[in-house]
């Protein structure tokens, strides 16, 4: 995919992909860490990593380390008007999580896998500090 296409792509489309990519990394991490757990247990563990509150905390912690390009993508995702309203969650956390997911989707499509994995690893560490 061309860089120009990525830069103009809808941030919600990037977030849609980023949500799946991030959750896949989390699931793989949890399976490797707890390979004998039941699926239901793995799912309950994954929810602790893949929710708006956790993702918002991650992006707040790492935002000073983002490049200008990454910050631009995050802000586009965060500021994008969504047609769905979050249920049972803080709207600010939801918007920050959307920006985080847009960044993940962007890095994935731009094939910046090392950077993507670095952010996921940092995210896991940040979330686990609170557990």
Protein backbone atom coordinates (compact mmCIF):
# COMPACT_ATOMS: atom_id res chain seq x y z
CA UNK A 1 0.00 0.00 0.00
CA UNK A 2 1.30 3.44 -0.93
CA UNK A 3 2.18 5.88 1.85
CA UNK A 4 -0.16 8.47 0.33
CA UNK A 5 -3.06 5.99 0.57
CA UNK A 6 -2.25 5.26 4.20
CA UNK A 7 -2.04 8.91 5.17
CA UNK A 8 -5.45 9.67 3.65
CA UNK A 9 -7.17 6.47 4.82
CA UNK A 10 -10.03 6.90 7.26
CA UNK A 11 -8.72 6.75 10.84
CA UNK A 12 -11.70 4.58 11.75
CA UNK A 13 -10.68 2.06 9.09
CA UNK A 14 -7.15 2.06 10.54
CA UNK A 15 -8.63 1.61 14.04
CA UNK A 16 -10.86 -1.22 12.81
CA UNK A 17 -7.78 -3.09 11.60
CA UNK A 18 -5.65 -1.98 14.55
CA UNK A 19 -8.15 -3.43 17.01
CA UNK A 20 -7.79 -6.86 15.43
CA UNK A 21 -4.00 -6.67 15.06
CA UNK A 22 -3.52 -5.57 18.68
CA UNK A 23 -5.87 -8.24 20.02
CA UNK A 24 -4.05 -10.91 17.98
CA UNK A 25 -0.73 -9.89 19.53
CA UNK A 26 -2.30 -9.99 23.01
CA UNK A 27 -3.86 -13.41 22.42
CA UNK A 28 -0.56 -14.80 21.15
CA UNK A 29 1.27 -13.35 24.18
CA UNK A 30 -1.23 -14.87 26.61
CA UNK A 31 -1.21 -18.27 24.89
CA UNK A 32 2.59 -18.40 25.00
CA UNK A 33 2.54 -17.35 28.66
CA UNK A 34 -0.29 -19.71 29.70
CA UNK A 35 -0.54 -22.37 27.01
CA UNK A 36 -2.50 -24.79 29.21
CA UNK A 37 -5.28 -22.34 30.10
CA UNK A 38 -8.80 -22.82 28.81
CA UNK A 39 -10.08 -20.50 26.10
CA UNK A 40 -12.54 -18.85 28.49
CA UNK A 41 -9.70 -18.05 30.91
CA UNK A 42 -7.54 -16.67 28.08
CA UNK A 43 -10.45 -14.51 26.93
CA UNK A 44 -10.96 -13.08 30.41
CA UNK A 45 -7.24 -12.29 30.63
CA UNK A 46 -7.22 -10.68 27.17
CA UNK A 47 -10.02 -8.29 28.16
CA UNK A 48 -7.65 -6.72 30.71
CA UNK A 49 -5.32 -5.71 27.86
CA UNK A 50 -7.83 -5.00 25.11
CA UNK A 51 -10.20 -2.40 26.51
CA UNK A 52 -10.51 1.34 26.15
CA UNK A 53 -9.22 2.12 29.63
CA UNK A 54 -6.05 0.02 29.22
CA UNK A 55 -5.36 1.28 25.69
CA UNK A 56 -5.87 4.87 26.81
CA UNK A 57 -3.36 4.37 29.63
CA UNK A 58 -0.84 2.91 27.18
CA UNK A 59 -1.09 5.79 24.71
CA UNK A 60 -0.87 8.39 27.50
CA UNK A 61 2.29 6.71 28.80
CA UNK A 62 4.04 6.43 25.43
CA UNK A 63 2.79 9.53 23.59
CA UNK A 64 5.94 11.54 24.30
CA UNK A 65 7.95 8.81 22.55
CA UNK A 66 5.87 8.82 19.37
CA UNK A 67 7.28 10.25 16.17
CA UNK A 68 5.53 13.24 14.56
CA UNK A 69 3.99 10.92 12.00
CA UNK A 70 2.75 8.50 14.69
CA UNK A 71 1.34 11.37 16.76
CA UNK A 72 -0.49 12.71 13.70
CA UNK A 73 -2.10 9.30 13.06
CA UNK A 74 -3.02 8.91 16.75
CA UNK A 75 -4.62 12.37 16.85
CA UNK A 76 -6.58 11.74 13.65
CA UNK A 77 -7.97 8.56 15.18
CA UNK A 78 -8.66 10.20 18.54
CA UNK A 79 -10.45 13.17 16.98
CA UNK A 80 -12.47 11.25 14.39
CA UNK A 81 -16.22 11.46 14.94
CA UNK A 82 -17.67 8.00 15.41
CA UNK A 83 -21.25 6.94 14.68
CA UNK A 84 -21.28 4.61 17.65
CA UNK A 85 -21.40 5.67 21.26
CA UNK A 86 -19.44 3.64 23.79
CA UNK A 87 -21.47 1.85 26.42
CA UNK A 88 -20.25 1.70 30.01
CA UNK A 89 -16.97 3.48 29.33
CA UNK A 90 -15.52 6.94 29.50
CA UNK A 91 -15.79 8.78 26.16
CA UNK A 92 -12.28 10.26 26.57
CA UNK A 93 -10.76 6.80 27.12
CA UNK A 94 -12.75 5.51 24.14
CA UNK A 95 -11.41 8.27 21.86
CA UNK A 96 -7.82 7.71 23.02
CA UNK A 97 -8.22 3.97 22.49
CA UNK A 98 -9.50 4.63 18.97
CA UNK A 99 -6.42 6.75 18.30
CA UNK A 100 -4.19 3.99 19.69
CA UNK A 101 -5.87 1.40 17.47
CA UNK A 102 -5.54 3.70 14.43
CA UNK A 103 -1.81 3.94 15.12
CA UNK A 104 -1.53 0.14 15.39
CA UNK A 105 -3.44 -0.30 12.11
CA UNK A 106 -1.27 2.29 10.39
CA UNK A 107 2.00 0.71 11.53
CA UNK A 108 0.75 -2.70 10.42
CA UNK A 109 -0.27 -1.55 6.94
CA UNK A 110 2.94 0.46 6.58
CA UNK A 111 4.88 -2.73 7.41
CA UNK A 112 6.60 -1.06 10.38
CA UNK A 113 6.42 -4.36 12.26
CA UNK A 114 9.42 -3.74 14.53
CA UNK A 115 7.90 -0.46 15.73
CA UNK A 116 4.45 -2.06 16.05
CA UNK A 117 5.85 -4.87 18.18
CA UNK A 118 7.83 -2.42 20.31
CA UNK A 119 4.63 -0.50 21.08
CA UNK A 120 2.72 -3.71 21.84
CA UNK A 121 5.50 -4.90 24.20
CA UNK A 122 5.53 -1.54 25.98
CA UNK A 123 1.73 -1.65 26.19
CA UNK A 124 1.80 -5.09 27.80
CA UNK A 125 4.39 -3.90 30.36
CA UNK A 126 2.35 -0.77 31.17
CA UNK A 127 -0.86 -2.73 31.64
CA UNK A 128 0.82 -5.43 33.73
CA UNK A 129 2.27 -2.79 36.08
CA UNK A 130 -1.31 -2.03 37.15
CA UNK A 131 -2.34 -5.66 37.68
